[in-house]
């Protein structure tokens, strides 16, 4: 699923407003009514200005610390 970064969250990692990427995974938990709730979203950046490497994640992949509903 394609995504576009909406904020300058980490400019040193090329996670900047307008940067394109796509979802490569997620982690979900259970809500108060036992429904699945999205906890963490993993995004791979498309053509970042430089290659990023975060421990325990593939190249150019980061985990979104904040998942917002649209």
PDB file of N, CA and C in Angstrom:
ATOM      1  N   UNK A   1       0.840  -1.162   0.000  1.00  0.00           N
ATOM      2  CA  UNK A   1       0.000   0.000   0.000  1.00  0.00           C
ATOM      3  C   UNK A   1       0.898   1.242   0.000  1.00  0.00           C
ATOM      4  N   UNK A   2       0.704   2.154  -0.917  1.00  0.00           N
ATOM      5  CA  UNK A   2       1.528   3.367  -0.965  1.00  0.00           C
ATOM      6  C   UNK A   2       1.179   4.338   0.164  1.00  0.00           C
ATOM      7  N   UNK A   3       2.201   5.078   0.621  1.00  0.00           N
ATOM      8  CA  UNK A   3       2.011   6.103   1.640  1.00  0.00           C
ATOM      9  C   UNK A   3       2.829   7.338   1.264  1.00  0.00           C
ATOM     10  N   UNK A   4       2.442   8.470   1.808  1.00  0.00           N
ATOM     11  CA  UNK A   4       3.216   9.703   1.681  1.00  0.00           C
ATOM     12  C   UNK A   4       3.412  10.255   3.093  1.00  0.00           C
ATOM     13  N   UNK A   5       4.653  10.578   3.420  1.00  0.00           N
ATOM     14  CA  UNK A   5       4.970  11.137   4.732  1.00  0.00           C
ATOM     15  C   UNK A   5       4.381  12.547   4.800  1.00  0.00           C
ATOM     16  N   UNK A   6       3.709  12.849   5.907  1.00  0.00           N
ATOM     17  CA  UNK A   6       3.020  14.141   6.034  1.00  0.00           C
ATOM     18  C   UNK A   6       3.761  15.160   6.893  1.00  0.00           C
ATOM     19  N   UNK A   7       4.771  14.715   7.630  1.00  0.00           N
ATOM     20  CA  UNK A   7       5.514  15.621   8.514  1.00  0.00           C
ATOM     21  C   UNK A   7       7.009  15.397   8.363  1.00  0.00           C
ATOM     22  N   UNK A   8       7.787  16.379   8.753  1.00  0.00           N
ATOM     23  CA  UNK A   8       9.238  16.227   8.809  1.00  0.00           C
ATOM     24  C   UNK A   8       9.584  15.554  10.134  1.00  0.00           C
ATOM     25  N   UNK A   9       9.423  14.236  10.183  1.00  0.00           N
ATOM     26  CA  UNK A   9       9.616  13.503  11.432  1.00  0.00           C
ATOM     27  C   UNK A   9      11.081  13.257  11.770  1.00  0.00           C
ATOM     28  N   UNK A  10      11.888  12.966  10.782  1.00  0.00           N
ATOM     29  CA  UNK A  10      13.316  12.701  11.025  1.00  0.00           C
ATOM     30  C   UNK A  10      14.082  13.036   9.748  1.00  0.00           C
ATOM     31  N   UNK A  11      14.409  14.312   9.592  1.00  0.00           N
ATOM     32  CA  UNK A  11      15.053  14.750   8.349  1.00  0.00           C
ATOM     33  C   UNK A  11      16.399  14.059   8.124  1.00  0.00           C
ATOM     34  N   UNK A  12      17.103  13.728   9.207  1.00  0.00           N
ATOM     35  CA  UNK A  12      18.402  13.058   9.063  1.00  0.00           C
ATOM     36  C   UNK A  12      18.262  11.648   8.497  1.00  0.00           C
ATOM     37  N   UNK A  13      17.040  11.077   8.565  1.00  0.00           N
ATOM     38  CA  UNK A  13      16.772   9.744   8.019  1.00  0.00           C
ATOM     39  C   UNK A  13      15.916   9.804   6.752  1.00  0.00           C
ATOM     40  N   UNK A  14      15.792  10.992   6.168  1.00  0.00           N
ATOM     41  CA  UNK A  14      14.997  11.196   4.952  1.00  0.00           C
ATOM     42  C   UNK A  14      13.505  10.934   5.166  1.00  0.00           C
ATOM     43  N   UNK A  15      13.062  10.968   6.406  1.00  0.00           N
ATOM     44  CA  UNK A  15      11.640  10.811   6.705  1.00  0.00           C
ATOM     45  C   UNK A  15      11.069  12.223   6.755  1.00  0.00           C
ATOM     46  N   UNK A  16      10.784  12.752   5.564  1.00  0.00           N
ATOM     47  CA  UNK A  16      10.400  14.147   5.419  1.00  0.00           C
ATOM     48  C   UNK A  16       9.067  14.275   4.684  1.00  0.00           C
ATOM     49  N   UNK A  17       8.437  15.415   4.879  1.00  0.00           N
ATOM     50  CA  UNK A  17       7.147  15.691   4.253  1.00  0.00           C
ATOM     51  C   UNK A  17       7.240  15.503   2.740  1.00  0.00           C
ATOM     52  N   UNK A  18       6.316  14.721   2.202  1.00  0.00           N
ATOM     53  CA  UNK A  18       6.271  14.478   0.766  1.00  0.00           C
ATOM     54  C   UNK A  18       7.011  13.232   0.303  1.00  0.00           C
ATOM     55  N   UNK A  19       7.855  12.656   1.175  1.00  0.00           N
ATOM     56  CA  UNK A  19       8.588  11.437   0.812  1.00  0.00           C
ATOM     57  C   UNK A  19       7.608  10.299   0.596  1.00  0.00           C
ATOM     58  N   UNK A  20       7.784   9.570  -0.475  1.00  0.00           N
ATOM     59  CA  UNK A  20       6.905   8.441  -0.784  1.00  0.00           C
ATOM     60  C   UNK A  20       7.502   7.144  -0.272  1.00  0.00           C
ATOM     61  N   UNK A  21       6.618   6.205   0.019  1.00  0.00           N
ATOM     62  CA  UNK A  21       7.028   4.887   0.467  1.00  0.00           C
ATOM     63  C   UNK A  21       5.867   3.928   0.338  1.00  0.00           C
ATOM     64  N   UNK A  22       6.049   2.730   0.867  1.00  0.00           N
ATOM     65  CA  UNK A  22       4.950   1.768   0.868  1.00  0.00           C
ATOM     66  C   UNK A  22       5.041   0.889   2.122  1.00  0.00           C
ATOM     67  N   UNK A  23       3.880   0.432   2.552  1.00  0.00           N
ATOM     68  CA  UNK A  23       3.787  -0.389   3.758  1.00  0.00           C
ATOM     69  C   UNK A  23       4.381  -1.765   3.470  1.00  0.00           C
ATOM     70  N   UNK A  24       5.272  -2.202   4.363  1.00  0.00           N
ATOM     71  CA  UNK A  24       5.867  -3.531   4.214  1.00  0.00           C
ATOM     72  C   UNK A  24       5.485  -4.444   5.375  1.00  0.00           C
ATOM     73  N   UNK A  25       4.791  -3.901   6.373  1.00  0.00           N
ATOM     74  CA  UNK A  25       4.353  -4.734   7.489  1.00  0.00           C
ATOM     75  C   UNK A  25       3.722  -3.905   8.582  1.00  0.00           C
ATOM     76  N   UNK A  26       3.188  -4.597   9.564  1.00  0.00           N
ATOM     77  CA  UNK A  26       2.576  -3.929  10.705  1.00  0.00           C
ATOM     78  C   UNK A  26       2.499  -4.887  11.876  1.00  0.00           C
ATOM     79  N   UNK A  27       2.270  -4.318  13.051  1.00  0.00           N
ATOM     80  CA  UNK A  27       2.008  -5.098  14.252  1.00  0.00           C
ATOM     81  C   UNK A  27       0.686  -4.613  14.812  1.00  0.00           C
ATOM     82  N   UNK A  28      -0.132  -5.540  15.229  1.00  0.00           N
ATOM     83  CA  UNK A  28      -1.439  -5.197  15.768  1.00  0.00           C
ATOM     84  C   UNK A  28      -1.601  -5.806  17.151  1.00  0.00           C
ATOM     85  N   UNK A  29      -2.448  -5.175  17.922  1.00  0.00           N
ATOM     86  CA  UNK A  29      -2.790  -5.682  19.242  1.00  0.00           C
ATOM     87  C   UNK A  29      -4.298  -5.814  19.337  1.00  0.00           C
ATOM     88  N   UNK A  30      -4.780  -6.028  20.519  1.00  0.00           N
ATOM     89  CA  UNK A  30      -6.221  -6.162  20.748  1.00  0.00           C
ATOM     90  C   UNK A  30      -6.732  -4.934  21.502  1.00  0.00           C
ATOM     91  N   UNK A  31      -7.869  -4.417  21.048  1.00  0.00           N
ATOM     92  CA  UNK A  31      -8.508  -3.285  21.695  1.00  0.00           C
ATOM     93  C   UNK A  31      -9.370  -3.736  22.858  1.00  0.00           C
ATOM     94  N   UNK A  32     -10.073  -2.791  23.461  1.00  0.00           N
ATOM     95  CA  UNK A  32     -10.875  -3.094  24.643  1.00  0.00           C
ATOM     96  C   UNK A  32     -12.073  -3.989  24.337  1.00  0.00           C
ATOM     97  N   UNK A  33     -12.456  -4.067  23.084  1.00  0.00           N
ATOM     98  CA  UNK A  33     -13.556  -4.941  22.681  1.00  0.00           C
ATOM     99  C   UNK A  33     -13.038  -6.165  21.915  1.00  0.00           C
ATOM    100  N   UNK A  34     -11.752  -6.481  22.127  1.00  0.00           N
ATOM    101  CA  UNK A  34     -11.082  -7.623  21.507  1.00  0.00           C
ATOM    102  C   UNK A  34     -10.929  -7.495  19.985  1.00  0.00           C
ATOM    103  N   UNK A  35     -11.095  -6.272  19.446  1.00  0.00           N
ATOM    104  CA  UNK A  35     -10.886  -6.053  18.022  1.00  0.00           C
ATOM    105  C   UNK A  35      -9.394  -5.828  17.747  1.00  0.00           C
ATOM    106  N   UNK A  36      -8.955  -6.108  16.527  1.00  0.00           N
ATOM    107  CA  UNK A  36      -7.569  -5.832  16.165  1.00  0.00           C
ATOM    108  C   UNK A  36      -7.365  -4.323  16.039  1.00  0.00           C
ATOM    109  N   UNK A  37      -6.254  -3.846  16.615  1.00  0.00           N
ATOM    110  CA  UNK A  37      -5.923  -2.428  16.593  1.00  0.00           C
ATOM    111  C   UNK A  37      -4.485  -2.285  16.108  1.00  0.00           C
ATOM    112  N   UNK A  38      -4.257  -1.407  15.136  1.00  0.00           N
ATOM    113  CA  UNK A  38      -2.925  -1.184  14.593  1.00  0.00           C
ATOM    114  C   UNK A  38      -2.044  -0.502  15.629  1.00  0.00           C
ATOM    115  N   UNK A  39      -0.873  -1.098  15.920  1.00  0.00           N
ATOM    116  CA  UNK A  39       0.079  -0.528  16.869  1.00  0.00           C
ATOM    117  C   UNK A  39       1.254   0.140  16.159  1.00  0.00           C
ATOM    118  N   UNK A  40       1.870  -0.591  15.239  1.00  0.00           N
ATOM    119  CA  UNK A  40       3.074  -0.105  14.563  1.00  0.00           C
ATOM    120  C   UNK A  40       2.951  -0.390  13.065  1.00  0.00           C
ATOM    121  N   UNK A  41       3.365   0.581  12.269  1.00  0.00           N
ATOM    122  CA  UNK A  41       3.364   0.447  10.817  1.00  0.00           C
ATOM    123  C   UNK A  41       4.814   0.489  10.339  1.00  0.00           C
ATOM    124  N   UNK A  42       5.207  -0.451   9.484  1.00  0.00           N
ATOM    125  CA  UNK A  42       6.559  -0.473   8.917  1.00  0.00           C
ATOM    126  C   UNK A  42       6.478   0.012   7.477  1.00  0.00           C
ATOM    127  N   UNK A  43       7.287   1.033   7.167  1.00  0.00           N
ATOM    128  CA  UNK A  43       7.252   1.672   5.850  1.00  0.00           C
ATOM    129  C   UNK A  43       8.636   1.610   5.222  1.00  0.00           C
ATOM    130  N   UNK A  44       8.677   1.264   3.936  1.00  0.00           N
ATOM    131  CA  UNK A  44       9.919   1.317   3.169  1.00  0.00           C
ATOM    132  C   UNK A  44       9.868   2.547   2.283  1.00  0.00           C
ATOM    133  N   UNK A  45      10.893   3.398   2.398  1.00  0.00           N
ATOM    134  CA  UNK A  45      10.946   4.618   1.609  1.00  0.00           C
ATOM    135  C   UNK A  45      11.287   4.302   0.157  1.00  0.00           C
ATOM    136  N   UNK A  46      10.614   4.972  -0.763  1.00  0.00           N
ATOM    137  CA  UNK A  46      10.901   4.846  -2.193  1.00  0.00           C
ATOM    138  C   UNK A  46      11.898   5.922  -2.593  1.00  0.00           C
ATOM    139  N   UNK A  47      13.034   5.514  -3.093  1.00  0.00           N
ATOM    140  CA  UNK A  47      14.071   6.426  -3.585  1.00  0.00           C
ATOM    141  C   UNK A  47      14.418   7.544  -2.603  1.00  0.00           C
ATOM    142  N   UNK A  48      14.845   7.195  -1.374  1.00  0.00           N
ATOM    143  CA  UNK A  48      15.249   8.256  -0.435  1.00  0.00           C
ATOM    144  C   UNK A  48      16.534   8.935  -0.917  1.00  0.00           C
ATOM    145  N   UNK A  49      16.796  10.140  -0.428  1.00  0.00           N
ATOM    146  CA  UNK A  49      17.997  10.885  -0.823  1.00  0.00           C
ATOM    147  C   UNK A  49      19.276  10.129  -0.457  1.00  0.00           C
ATOM    148  N   UNK A  50      19.204   9.338   0.614  1.00  0.00           N
ATOM    149  CA  UNK A  50      20.335   8.483   0.995  1.00  0.00           C
ATOM    150  C   UNK A  50      19.762   7.206   1.608  1.00  0.00           C
ATOM    151  N   UNK A  51      20.558   6.161   1.603  1.00  0.00           N
ATOM    152  CA  UNK A  51      20.136   4.889   2.174  1.00  0.00           C
ATOM    153  C   UNK A  51      20.115   5.013   3.694  1.00  0.00           C
ATOM    154  N   UNK A  52      19.038   4.522   4.302  1.00  0.00           N
ATOM    155  CA  UNK A  52      18.969   4.529   5.762  1.00  0.00           C
ATOM    156  C   UNK A  52      19.013   3.099   6.274  1.00  0.00           C
ATOM    157  N   UNK A  53      19.591   2.918   7.443  1.00  0.00           N
ATOM    158  CA  UNK A  53      19.668   1.598   8.061  1.00  0.00           C
ATOM    159  C   UNK A  53      19.398   1.754   9.540  1.00  0.00           C
ATOM    160  N   UNK A  54      18.306   1.167   9.999  1.00  0.00           N
ATOM    161  CA  UNK A  54      17.925   1.182  11.405  1.00  0.00           C
ATOM    162  C   UNK A  54      18.097  -0.238  11.937  1.00  0.00           C
ATOM    163  N   UNK A  55      18.666  -0.361  13.133  1.00  0.00           N
ATOM    164  CA  UNK A  55      18.923  -1.677  13.720  1.00  0.00           C
ATOM    165  C   UNK A  55      17.704  -2.589  13.624  1.00  0.00           C
ATOM    166  N   UNK A  56      17.955  -3.834  13.228  1.00  0.00           N
ATOM    167  CA  UNK A  56      16.955  -4.911  13.147  1.00  0.00           C
ATOM    168  C   UNK A  56      15.881  -4.701  12.074  1.00  0.00           C
ATOM    169  N   UNK A  57      16.073  -3.707  11.200  1.00  0.00           N
ATOM    170  CA  UNK A  57      15.126  -3.489  10.105  1.00  0.00           C
ATOM    171  C   UNK A  57      15.868  -3.525   8.778  1.00  0.00           C
ATOM    172  N   UNK A  58      15.189  -3.936   7.708  1.00  0.00           N
ATOM    173  CA  UNK A  58      15.837  -3.917   6.393  1.00  0.00           C
ATOM    174  C   UNK A  58      16.197  -2.494   5.964  1.00  0.00           C
ATOM    175  N   UNK A  59      17.036  -2.390   4.933  1.00  0.00           N
ATOM    176  CA  UNK A  59      17.455  -1.101   4.401  1.00  0.00           C
ATOM    177  C   UNK A  59      16.246  -0.265   3.977  1.00  0.00           C
ATOM    178  N   UNK A  60      16.274   1.018   4.307  1.00  0.00           N
ATOM    179  CA  UNK A  60      15.245   2.005   3.947  1.00  0.00           C
ATOM    180  C   UNK A  60      13.878   1.744   4.566  1.00  0.00           C
ATOM    181  N   UNK A  61      13.828   0.915   5.610  1.00  0.00           N
ATOM    182  CA  UNK A  61      12.564   0.643   6.308  1.00  0.00           C
ATOM    183  C   UNK A  61      12.636   1.284   7.692  1.00  0.00           C
ATOM    184  N   UNK A  62      11.534   1.921   8.085  1.00  0.00           N
ATOM    185  CA  UNK A  62      11.426   2.475   9.433  1.00  0.00           C
ATOM    186  C   UNK A  62      10.065   2.113  10.001  1.00  0.00           C
ATOM    187  N   UNK A  63       9.963   2.168  11.316  1.00  0.00           N
ATOM    188  CA  UNK A  63       8.679   1.912  11.943  1.00  0.00           C
ATOM    189  C   UNK A  63       8.077   3.246  12.360  1.00  0.00           C
ATOM    190  N   UNK A  64       6.843   3.419  11.991  1.00  0.00           N
ATOM    191  CA  UNK A  64       6.151   4.659  12.325  1.00  0.00           C
ATOM    192  C   UNK A  64       5.759   4.611  13.791  1.00  0.00           C
ATOM    193  N   UNK A  65       6.252   5.564  14.571  1.00  0.00           N
ATOM    194  CA  UNK A  65       5.949   5.544  16.001  1.00  0.00           C
ATOM    195  C   UNK A  65       4.531   6.006  16.308  1.00  0.00           C
ATOM    196  N   UNK A  66       3.905   6.647  15.355  1.00  0.00           N
ATOM    197  CA  UNK A  66       2.576   7.194  15.583  1.00  0.00           C
ATOM    198  C   UNK A  66       1.683   6.863  14.398  1.00  0.00           C
ATOM    199  N   UNK A  67       0.646   6.121  14.658  1.00  0.00           N
ATOM    200  CA  UNK A  67      -0.293   5.760  13.596  1.00  0.00           C
ATOM    201  C   UNK A  67      -1.546   6.576  13.816  1.00  0.00           C
ATOM    202  N   UNK A  68      -1.927   7.343  12.797  1.00  0.00           N
ATOM    203  CA  UNK A  68      -3.100   8.188  12.909  1.00  0.00           C
ATOM    204  C   UNK A  68      -4.184   7.714  11.960  1.00  0.00           C
ATOM    205  N   UNK A  69      -5.414   7.802  12.403  1.00  0.00           N
ATOM    206  CA  UNK A  69      -6.536   7.453  11.545  1.00  0.00           C
ATOM    207  C   UNK A  69      -6.844   8.616  10.628  1.00  0.00           C
ATOM    208  N   UNK A  70      -7.276   8.300   9.442  1.00  0.00           N
ATOM    209  CA  UNK A  70      -7.643   9.344   8.477  1.00  0.00           C
ATOM    210  C   UNK A  70      -9.108   9.660   8.603  1.00  0.00           C
TER     211      UNK A  70
END
